[in-house]
Amino acid sequence: MRRQDDTLGYISGTLSTLASQAGLIGQEVTEHSEMLDELSTRVDSTQSRLSRVTRTMTDFLRKNEDTRSSWCIAILILILIILLILVILL
């Protein structure tokens, strides 16, 4: 009978330890869940900002595709080549 009481006492202690550990694990899970929710909110915010910037850049590039800017770049490159040739020759 005493042996059974000792065994039951040991089992009771083990169950108490397990209950304590389960409580701590539950707290950790809750904390991590809150951190993940905050991270998700930040990621969503960043994604919306990136989408806005991408749209703005796309609009900017579309507006600057006209041929006048291409001609301007071509003329500037030609002037640069001429200046480089003059620097090399002189």
PDB file of N, CA and C in Angstrom:
ATOM      1  N   MET A   1       0.812  -1.183   0.000  1.00  0.00           N
ATOM      2  CA  MET A   1       0.000   0.000   0.000  1.00  0.00           C
ATOM      3  C   MET A   1       0.870   1.268   0.000  1.00  0.00           C
ATOM      4  N   ARG A   2       1.933   1.211   0.769  1.00  0.00           N
ATOM      5  CA  ARG A   2       2.833   2.359   0.841  1.00  0.00           C
ATOM      6  C   ARG A   2       3.499   2.584  -0.516  1.00  0.00           C
ATOM      7  N   ARG A   3       3.812   1.481  -1.186  1.00  0.00           N
ATOM      8  CA  ARG A   3       4.453   1.575  -2.492  1.00  0.00           C
ATOM      9  C   ARG A   3       3.513   2.250  -3.494  1.00  0.00           C
ATOM     10  N   GLN A   4       2.224   1.907  -3.428  1.00  0.00           N
ATOM     11  CA  GLN A   4       1.244   2.543  -4.305  1.00  0.00           C
ATOM     12  C   GLN A   4       1.123   4.030  -3.990  1.00  0.00           C
ATOM     13  N   ASP A   5       1.153   4.383  -2.718  1.00  0.00           N
ATOM     14  CA  ASP A   5       1.086   5.791  -2.332  1.00  0.00           C
ATOM     15  C   ASP A   5       2.303   6.557  -2.850  1.00  0.00           C
ATOM     16  N   ASP A   6       3.469   5.931  -2.765  1.00  0.00           N
ATOM     17  CA  ASP A   6       4.688   6.570  -3.285  1.00  0.00           C
ATOM     18  C   ASP A   6       4.584   6.766  -4.796  1.00  0.00           C
ATOM     19  N   THR A   7       4.096   5.721  -5.473  1.00  0.00           N
ATOM     20  CA  THR A   7       3.951   5.793  -6.933  1.00  0.00           C
ATOM     21  C   THR A   7       2.943   6.875  -7.306  1.00  0.00           C
ATOM     22  N   LEU A   8       1.819   6.921  -6.597  1.00  0.00           N
ATOM     23  CA  LEU A   8       0.815   7.950  -6.867  1.00  0.00           C
ATOM     24  C   LEU A   8       1.363   9.346  -6.573  1.00  0.00           C
ATOM     25  N   GLY A   9       2.167   9.482  -5.548  1.00  0.00           N
ATOM     26  CA  GLY A   9       2.803  10.761  -5.238  1.00  0.00           C
ATOM     27  C   GLY A   9       3.754  11.186  -6.350  1.00  0.00           C
ATOM     28  N   TYR A  10       4.514  10.219  -6.867  1.00  0.00           N
ATOM     29  CA  TYR A  10       5.436  10.495  -7.970  1.00  0.00           C
ATOM     30  C   TYR A  10       4.656  10.913  -9.215  1.00  0.00           C
ATOM     31  N   ILE A  11       3.584  10.183  -9.524  1.00  0.00           N
ATOM     32  CA  ILE A  11       2.756  10.507 -10.691  1.00  0.00           C
ATOM     33  C   ILE A  11       2.127  11.887 -10.512  1.00  0.00           C
ATOM     34  N   SER A  12       1.671  12.188  -9.314  1.00  0.00           N
ATOM     35  CA  SER A  12       1.070  13.492  -9.033  1.00  0.00           C
ATOM     36  C   SER A  12       2.085  14.614  -9.249  1.00  0.00           C
ATOM     37  N   GLY A  13       3.310  14.418  -8.790  1.00  0.00           N
ATOM     38  CA  GLY A  13       4.363  15.416  -8.990  1.00  0.00           C
ATOM     39  C   GLY A  13       4.676  15.607 -10.461  1.00  0.00           C
ATOM     40  N   THR A  14       4.724  14.483 -11.184  1.00  0.00           N
ATOM     41  CA  THR A  14       5.001  14.549 -12.621  1.00  0.00           C
ATOM     42  C   THR A  14       3.887  15.293 -13.342  1.00  0.00           C
ATOM     43  N   LEU A  15       2.642  14.997 -12.992  1.00  0.00           N
ATOM     44  CA  LEU A  15       1.514  15.685 -13.615  1.00  0.00           C
ATOM     45  C   LEU A  15       1.522  17.174 -13.287  1.00  0.00           C
ATOM     46  N   SER A  16       1.905  17.508 -12.085  1.00  0.00           N
ATOM     47  CA  SER A  16       1.996  18.914 -11.694  1.00  0.00           C
ATOM     48  C   SER A  16       3.060  19.633 -12.526  1.00  0.00           C
ATOM     49  N   THR A  17       4.201  18.962 -12.714  1.00  0.00           N
ATOM     50  CA  THR A  17       5.268  19.535 -13.539  1.00  0.00           C
ATOM     51  C   THR A  17       4.801  19.705 -14.979  1.00  0.00           C
ATOM     52  N   LEU A  18       4.118  18.683 -15.508  1.00  0.00           N
ATOM     53  CA  LEU A  18       3.610  18.759 -16.880  1.00  0.00           C
ATOM     54  C   LEU A  18       2.591  19.882 -17.034  1.00  0.00           C
ATOM     55  N   ALA A  19       1.725  20.056 -16.045  1.00  0.00           N
ATOM     56  CA  ALA A  19       0.736  21.133 -16.102  1.00  0.00           C
ATOM     57  C   ALA A  19       1.421  22.489 -16.107  1.00  0.00           C
ATOM     58  N   SER A  20       2.458  22.631 -15.302  1.00  0.00           N
ATOM     59  CA  SER A  20       3.213  23.883 -15.256  1.00  0.00           C
ATOM     60  C   SER A  20       3.884  24.158 -16.601  1.00  0.00           C
ATOM     61  N   GLN A  21       4.502  23.131 -17.173  1.00  0.00           N
ATOM     62  CA  GLN A  21       5.162  23.285 -18.470  1.00  0.00           C
ATOM     63  C   GLN A  21       4.144  23.594 -19.564  1.00  0.00           C
ATOM     64  N   ALA A  22       2.983  22.956 -19.511  1.00  0.00           N
ATOM     65  CA  ALA A  22       1.937  23.225 -20.500  1.00  0.00           C
ATOM     66  C   ALA A  22       1.476  24.675 -20.406  1.00  0.00           C
ATOM     67  N   GLY A  23       1.369  25.194 -19.191  1.00  0.00           N
ATOM     68  CA  GLY A  23       0.999  26.601 -19.015  1.00  0.00           C
ATOM     69  C   GLY A  23       2.038  27.531 -19.612  1.00  0.00           C
ATOM     70  N   LEU A  24       3.315  27.225 -19.381  1.00  0.00           N
ATOM     71  CA  LEU A  24       4.391  28.049 -19.946  1.00  0.00           C
ATOM     72  C   LEU A  24       4.395  27.983 -21.469  1.00  0.00           C
ATOM     73  N   ILE A  25       4.178  26.789 -22.004  1.00  0.00           N
ATOM     74  CA  ILE A  25       4.124  26.634 -23.463  1.00  0.00           C
ATOM     75  C   ILE A  25       2.949  27.433 -24.022  1.00  0.00           C
ATOM     76  N   GLY A  26       1.819  27.401 -23.333  1.00  0.00           N
ATOM     77  CA  GLY A  26       0.655  28.176 -23.764  1.00  0.00           C
ATOM     78  C   GLY A  26       0.946  29.665 -23.801  1.00  0.00           C
ATOM     79  N   GLN A  27       1.669  30.165 -22.791  1.00  0.00           N
ATOM     80  CA  GLN A  27       2.042  31.578 -22.765  1.00  0.00           C
ATOM     81  C   GLN A  27       2.962  31.916 -23.937  1.00  0.00           C
ATOM     82  N   GLU A  28       3.925  31.038 -24.202  1.00  0.00           N
ATOM     83  CA  GLU A  28       4.844  31.259 -25.328  1.00  0.00           C
ATOM     84  C   GLU A  28       4.083  31.293 -26.649  1.00  0.00           C
ATOM     85  N   VAL A  29       3.159  30.358 -26.818  1.00  0.00           N
ATOM     86  CA  VAL A  29       2.374  30.308 -28.055  1.00  0.00           C
ATOM     87  C   VAL A  29       1.571  31.598 -28.217  1.00  0.00           C
ATOM     88  N   THR A  30       0.985  32.084 -27.134  1.00  0.00           N
ATOM     89  CA  THR A  30       0.220  33.330 -27.188  1.00  0.00           C
ATOM     90  C   THR A  30       1.114  34.506 -27.571  1.00  0.00           C
ATOM     91  N   GLU A  31       2.296  34.595 -26.961  1.00  0.00           N
ATOM     92  CA  GLU A  31       3.230  35.681 -27.281  1.00  0.00           C
ATOM     93  C   GLU A  31       3.667  35.617 -28.740  1.00  0.00           C
ATOM     94  N   HIS A  32       3.982  34.425 -29.217  1.00  0.00           N
ATOM     95  CA  HIS A  32       4.424  34.277 -30.606  1.00  0.00           C
ATOM     96  C   HIS A  32       3.284  34.589 -31.573  1.00  0.00           C
ATOM     97  N   SER A  33       2.087  34.217 -31.208  1.00  0.00           N
ATOM     98  CA  SER A  33       0.928  34.526 -32.047  1.00  0.00           C
ATOM     99  C   SER A  33       0.737  36.032 -32.168  1.00  0.00           C
ATOM    100  N   GLU A  34       0.891  36.747 -31.062  1.00  0.00           N
ATOM    101  CA  GLU A  34       0.780  38.209 -31.088  1.00  0.00           C
ATOM    102  C   GLU A  34       1.882  38.827 -31.940  1.00  0.00           C
ATOM    103  N   MET A  35       3.108  38.299 -31.815  1.00  0.00           N
ATOM    104  CA  MET A  35       4.218  38.823 -32.619  1.00  0.00           C
ATOM    105  C   MET A  35       3.976  38.560 -34.099  1.00  0.00           C
ATOM    106  N   LEU A  36       3.440  37.386 -34.438  1.00  0.00           N
ATOM    107  CA  LEU A  36       3.149  37.074 -35.835  1.00  0.00           C
ATOM    108  C   LEU A  36       2.043  37.971 -36.388  1.00  0.00           C
ATOM    109  N   ASP A  37       1.047  38.273 -35.569  1.00  0.00           N
ATOM    110  CA  ASP A  37      -0.013  39.185 -36.002  1.00  0.00           C
ATOM    111  C   ASP A  37       0.553  40.569 -36.299  1.00  0.00           C
ATOM    112  N   GLU A  38       1.450  41.047 -35.422  1.00  0.00           N
ATOM    113  CA  GLU A  38       2.076  42.351 -35.638  1.00  0.00           C
ATOM    114  C   GLU A  38       2.932  42.336 -36.903  1.00  0.00           C
ATOM    115  N   LEU A  39       3.683  41.264 -37.095  1.00  0.00           N
ATOM    116  CA  LEU A  39       4.510  41.141 -38.292  1.00  0.00           C
ATOM    117  C   LEU A  39       3.646  41.114 -39.545  1.00  0.00           C
ATOM    118  N   SER A  40       2.550  40.392 -39.493  1.00  0.00           N
ATOM    119  CA  SER A  40       1.637  40.320 -40.634  1.00  0.00           C
ATOM    120  C   SER A  40       1.086  41.700 -40.980  1.00  0.00           C
ATOM    121  N   THR A  41       0.744  42.474 -39.965  1.00  0.00           N
ATOM    122  CA  THR A  41       0.244  43.833 -40.191  1.00  0.00           C
ATOM    123  C   THR A  41       1.312  44.694 -40.851  1.00  0.00           C
ATOM    124  N   ARG A  42       2.537  44.588 -40.367  1.00  0.00           N
ATOM    125  CA  ARG A  42       3.630  45.374 -40.955  1.00  0.00           C
ATOM    126  C   ARG A  42       3.915  44.946 -42.393  1.00  0.00           C
ATOM    127  N   VAL A  43       3.882  43.646 -42.653  1.00  0.00           N
ATOM    128  CA  VAL A  43       4.128  43.152 -44.012  1.00  0.00           C
ATOM    129  C   VAL A  43       3.037  43.654 -44.956  1.00  0.00           C
ATOM    130  N   ASP A  44       1.783  43.631 -44.511  1.00  0.00           N
ATOM    131  CA  ASP A  44       0.685  44.136 -45.337  1.00  0.00           C
ATOM    132  C   ASP A  44       0.870  45.617 -45.641  1.00  0.00           C
ATOM    133  N   SER A  45       1.275  46.383 -44.638  1.00  0.00           N
ATOM    134  CA  SER A  45       1.506  47.812 -44.831  1.00  0.00           C
ATOM    135  C   SER A  45       2.635  48.052 -45.829  1.00  0.00           C
ATOM    136  N   THR A  46       3.719  47.307 -45.668  1.00  0.00           N
ATOM    137  CA  THR A  46       4.854  47.445 -46.579  1.00  0.00           C
ATOM    138  C   THR A  46       4.473  47.029 -47.993  1.00  0.00           C
ATOM    139  N   GLN A  47       3.682  45.978 -48.119  1.00  0.00           N
ATOM    140  CA  GLN A  47       3.240  45.516 -49.435  1.00  0.00           C
ATOM    141  C   GLN A  47       2.402  46.587 -50.127  1.00  0.00           C
ATOM    142  N   SER A  48       1.520  47.238 -49.390  1.00  0.00           N
ATOM    143  CA  SER A  48       0.696  48.278 -50.009  1.00  0.00           C
ATOM    144  C   SER A  48       1.554  49.471 -50.431  1.00  0.00           C
ATOM    145  N   ARG A  49       2.554  49.822 -49.608  1.00  0.00           N
ATOM    146  CA  ARG A  49       3.451  50.916 -49.999  1.00  0.00           C
ATOM    147  C   ARG A  49       4.262  50.553 -51.236  1.00  0.00           C
ATOM    148  N   LEU A  50       4.755  49.314 -51.291  1.00  0.00           N
ATOM    149  CA  LEU A  50       5.512  48.878 -52.470  1.00  0.00           C
ATOM    150  C   LEU A  50       4.637  48.884 -53.718  1.00  0.00           C
ATOM    151  N   SER A  51       3.398  48.483 -53.580  1.00  0.00           N
ATOM    152  CA  SER A  51       2.479  48.500 -54.724  1.00  0.00           C
ATOM    153  C   SER A  51       2.269  49.927 -55.221  1.00  0.00           C
ATOM    154  N   ARG A  52       2.113  50.869 -54.274  1.00  0.00           N
ATOM    155  CA  ARG A  52       1.945  52.270 -54.652  1.00  0.00           C
ATOM    156  C   ARG A  52       3.174  52.799 -55.384  1.00  0.00           C
ATOM    157  N   VAL A  53       4.359  52.491 -54.854  1.00  0.00           N
ATOM    158  CA  VAL A  53       5.603  52.961 -55.479  1.00  0.00           C
ATOM    159  C   VAL A  53       5.771  52.336 -56.859  1.00  0.00           C
ATOM    160  N   THR A  54       5.446  51.058 -56.975  1.00  0.00           N
ATOM    161  CA  THR A  54       5.548  50.386 -58.272  1.00  0.00           C
ATOM    162  C   THR A  54       4.614  51.037 -59.284  1.00  0.00           C
ATOM    163  N   ARG A  55       3.383  51.345 -58.859  1.00  0.00           N
ATOM    164  CA  ARG A  55       2.436  52.016 -59.749  1.00  0.00           C
ATOM    165  C   ARG A  55       2.957  53.383 -60.163  1.00  0.00           C
ATOM    166  N   THR A  56       3.511  54.123 -59.198  1.00  0.00           N
ATOM    167  CA  THR A  56       4.042  55.450 -59.491  1.00  0.00           C
ATOM    168  C   THR A  56       5.202  55.367 -60.475  1.00  0.00           C
ATOM    169  N   MET A  57       6.109  54.414 -60.258  1.00  0.00           N
ATOM    170  CA  MET A  57       7.250  54.252 -61.169  1.00  0.00           C
ATOM    171  C   MET A  57       6.787  53.834 -62.565  1.00  0.00           C
ATOM    172  N   THR A  58       5.794  52.957 -62.629  1.00  0.00           N
ATOM    173  CA  THR A  58       5.271  52.529 -63.928  1.00  0.00           C
ATOM    174  C   THR A  58       4.675  53.715 -64.671  1.00  0.00           C
ATOM    175  N   ASP A  59       3.904  54.537 -63.967  1.00  0.00           N
ATOM    176  CA  ASP A  59       3.337  55.735 -64.593  1.00  0.00           C
ATOM    177  C   ASP A  59       4.437  56.685 -65.050  1.00  0.00           C
ATOM    178  N   PHE A  60       5.449  56.868 -64.212  1.00  0.00           N
ATOM    179  CA  PHE A  60       6.561  57.748 -64.563  1.00  0.00           C
ATOM    180  C   PHE A  60       7.278  57.253 -65.819  1.00  0.00           C
ATOM    181  N   LEU A  61       7.564  55.957 -65.868  1.00  0.00           N
ATOM    182  CA  LEU A  61       8.264  55.404 -67.029  1.00  0.00           C
ATOM    183  C   LEU A  61       7.406  55.499 -68.288  1.00  0.00           C
ATOM    184  N   ARG A  62       6.120  55.273 -68.137  1.00  0.00           N
ATOM    185  CA  ARG A  62       5.222  55.352 -69.285  1.00  0.00           C
ATOM    186  C   ARG A  62       5.176  56.774 -69.834  1.00  0.00           C
ATOM    187  N   LYS A  63       5.168  57.766 -68.942  1.00  0.00           N
ATOM    188  CA  LYS A  63       5.114  59.161 -69.373  1.00  0.00           C
ATOM    189  C   LYS A  63       6.413  59.595 -70.046  1.00  0.00           C
ATOM    190  N   ASN A  64       7.529  58.975 -69.680  1.00  0.00           N
ATOM    191  CA  ASN A  64       8.830  59.375 -70.224  1.00  0.00           C
ATOM    192  C   ASN A  64       9.282  58.520 -71.395  1.00  0.00           C
ATOM    193  N   GLU A  65       8.368  57.783 -71.982  1.00  0.00           N
ATOM    194  CA  GLU A  65       8.741  56.943 -73.113  1.00  0.00           C
ATOM    195  C   GLU A  65       8.662  57.684 -74.446  1.00  0.00           C
ATOM    196  N   ASP A  66       8.286  58.940 -74.445  1.00  0.00           N
ATOM    197  CA  ASP A  66       8.108  59.638 -75.718  1.00  0.00           C
ATOM    198  C   ASP A  66       9.433  59.775 -76.455  1.00  0.00           C
ATOM    199  N   THR A  67       9.335  60.057 -77.719  1.00  0.00           N
ATOM    200  CA  THR A  67      10.528  60.069 -78.574  1.00  0.00           C
ATOM    201  C   THR A  67      11.423  61.276 -78.315  1.00  0.00           C
ATOM    202  N   ARG A  68      10.868  62.364 -77.779  1.00  0.00           N
ATOM    203  CA  ARG A  68      11.702  63.536 -77.518  1.00  0.00           C
ATOM    204  C   ARG A  68      12.812  63.228 -76.526  1.00  0.00           C
ATOM    205  N   SER A  69      12.497  62.475 -75.484  1.00  0.00           N
ATOM    206  CA  SER A  69      13.538  62.152 -74.510  1.00  0.00           C
ATOM    207  C   SER A  69      14.577  61.220 -75.133  1.00  0.00           C
ATOM    208  N   SER A  70      14.138  60.330 -76.008  1.00  0.00           N
ATOM    209  CA  SER A  70      15.088  59.441 -76.692  1.00  0.00           C
ATOM    210  C   SER A  70      16.030  60.241 -77.582  1.00  0.00           C
ATOM    211  N   TRP A  71      15.490  61.226 -78.305  1.00  0.00           N
ATOM    212  CA  TRP A  71      16.336  62.067 -79.146  1.00  0.00           C
ATOM    213  C   TRP A  71      17.310  62.884 -78.298  1.00  0.00           C
ATOM    214  N   CYS A  72      16.840  63.373 -77.199  1.00  0.00           N
ATOM    215  CA  CYS A  72      17.702  64.158 -76.305  1.00  0.00           C
ATOM    216  C   CYS A  72      18.865  63.305 -75.801  1.00  0.00           C
ATOM    217  N   ILE A  73      18.572  62.077 -75.403  1.00  0.00           N
ATOM    218  CA  ILE A  73      19.625  61.171 -74.932  1.00  0.00           C
ATOM    219  C   ILE A  73      20.606  60.869 -76.057  1.00  0.00           C
ATOM    220  N   ALA A  74      20.097  60.631 -77.258  1.00  0.00           N
ATOM    221  CA  ALA A  74      20.969  60.331 -78.400  1.00  0.00           C
ATOM    222  C   ALA A  74      21.892  61.508 -78.701  1.00  0.00           C
ATOM    223  N   ILE A  75      21.352  62.716 -78.677  1.00  0.00           N
ATOM    224  CA  ILE A  75      22.170  63.908 -78.948  1.00  0.00           C
ATOM    225  C   ILE A  75      23.230  64.087 -77.864  1.00  0.00           C
ATOM    226  N   LEU A  76      22.869  63.874 -76.606  1.00  0.00           N
ATOM    227  CA  LEU A  76      23.843  64.003 -75.520  1.00  0.00           C
ATOM    228  C   LEU A  76      24.954  62.955 -75.635  1.00  0.00           C
ATOM    229  N   ILE A  77      24.605  61.744 -76.037  1.00  0.00           N
ATOM    230  CA  ILE A  77      25.627  60.702 -76.238  1.00  0.00           C
ATOM    231  C   ILE A  77      26.560  61.098 -77.373  1.00  0.00           C
ATOM    232  N   LEU A  78      25.998  61.635 -78.447  1.00  0.00           N
ATOM    233  CA  LEU A  78      26.817  62.082 -79.579  1.00  0.00           C
ATOM    234  C   LEU A  78      27.770  63.193 -79.144  1.00  0.00           C
ATOM    235  N   ILE A  79      27.280  64.150 -78.371  1.00  0.00           N
ATOM    236  CA  ILE A  79      28.141  65.229 -77.870  1.00  0.00           C
ATOM    237  C   ILE A  79      29.239  64.662 -76.975  1.00  0.00           C
ATOM    238  N   LEU A  80      28.909  63.700 -76.136  1.00  0.00           N
ATOM    239  CA  LEU A  80      29.904  63.074 -75.262  1.00  0.00           C
ATOM    240  C   LEU A  80      30.989  62.380 -76.081  1.00  0.00           C
ATOM    241  N   ILE A  81      30.591  61.669 -77.117  1.00  0.00           N
ATOM    242  CA  ILE A  81      31.579  60.987 -77.976  1.00  0.00           C
ATOM    243  C   ILE A  81      32.493  62.011 -78.638  1.00  0.00           C
ATOM    244  N   ILE A  82      31.919  63.095 -79.145  1.00  0.00           N
ATOM    245  CA  ILE A  82      32.732  64.136 -79.789  1.00  0.00           C
ATOM    246  C   ILE A  82      33.716  64.737 -78.787  1.00  0.00           C
ATOM    247  N   LEU A  83      33.252  65.016 -77.579  1.00  0.00           N
ATOM    248  CA  LEU A  83      34.148  65.577 -76.561  1.00  0.00           C
ATOM    249  C   LEU A  83      35.256  64.597 -76.189  1.00  0.00           C
ATOM    250  N   LEU A  84      34.934  63.313 -76.088  1.00  0.00           N
ATOM    251  CA  LEU A  84      35.966  62.316 -75.787  1.00  0.00           C
ATOM    252  C   LEU A  84      37.011  62.251 -76.893  1.00  0.00           C
ATOM    253  N   ILE A  85      36.567  62.313 -78.134  1.00  0.00           N
ATOM    254  CA  ILE A  85      37.514  62.294 -79.260  1.00  0.00           C
ATOM    255  C   ILE A  85      38.414  63.527 -79.202  1.00  0.00           C
ATOM    256  N   LEU A  86      37.838  64.689 -78.912  1.00  0.00           N
ATOM    257  CA  LEU A  86      38.640  65.911 -78.825  1.00  0.00           C
ATOM    258  C   LEU A  86      39.655  65.839 -77.691  1.00  0.00           C
ATOM    259  N   VAL A  87      39.258  65.268 -76.549  1.00  0.00           N
ATOM    260  CA  VAL A  87      40.179  65.151 -75.416  1.00  0.00           C
ATOM    261  C   VAL A  87      41.314  64.202 -75.762  1.00  0.00           C
ATOM    262  N   ILE A  88      41.002  63.108 -76.436  1.00  0.00           N
ATOM    263  CA  ILE A  88      42.039  62.133 -76.796  1.00  0.00           C
ATOM    264  C   ILE A  88      43.007  62.725 -77.819  1.00  0.00           C
ATOM    265  N   LEU A  89      42.496  63.462 -78.786  1.00  0.00           N
ATOM    266  CA  LEU A  89      43.347  64.013 -79.841  1.00  0.00           C
ATOM    267  C   LEU A  89      44.174  65.204 -79.372  1.00  0.00           C
ATOM    268  N   LEU A  90      43.722  65.922 -78.388  1.00  0.00           N
ATOM    269  CA  LEU A  90      44.469  67.112 -77.946  1.00  0.00           C
ATOM    270  C   LEU A  90      45.294  66.768 -76.791  1.00  0.00           C
TER     271      LEU A  90
END
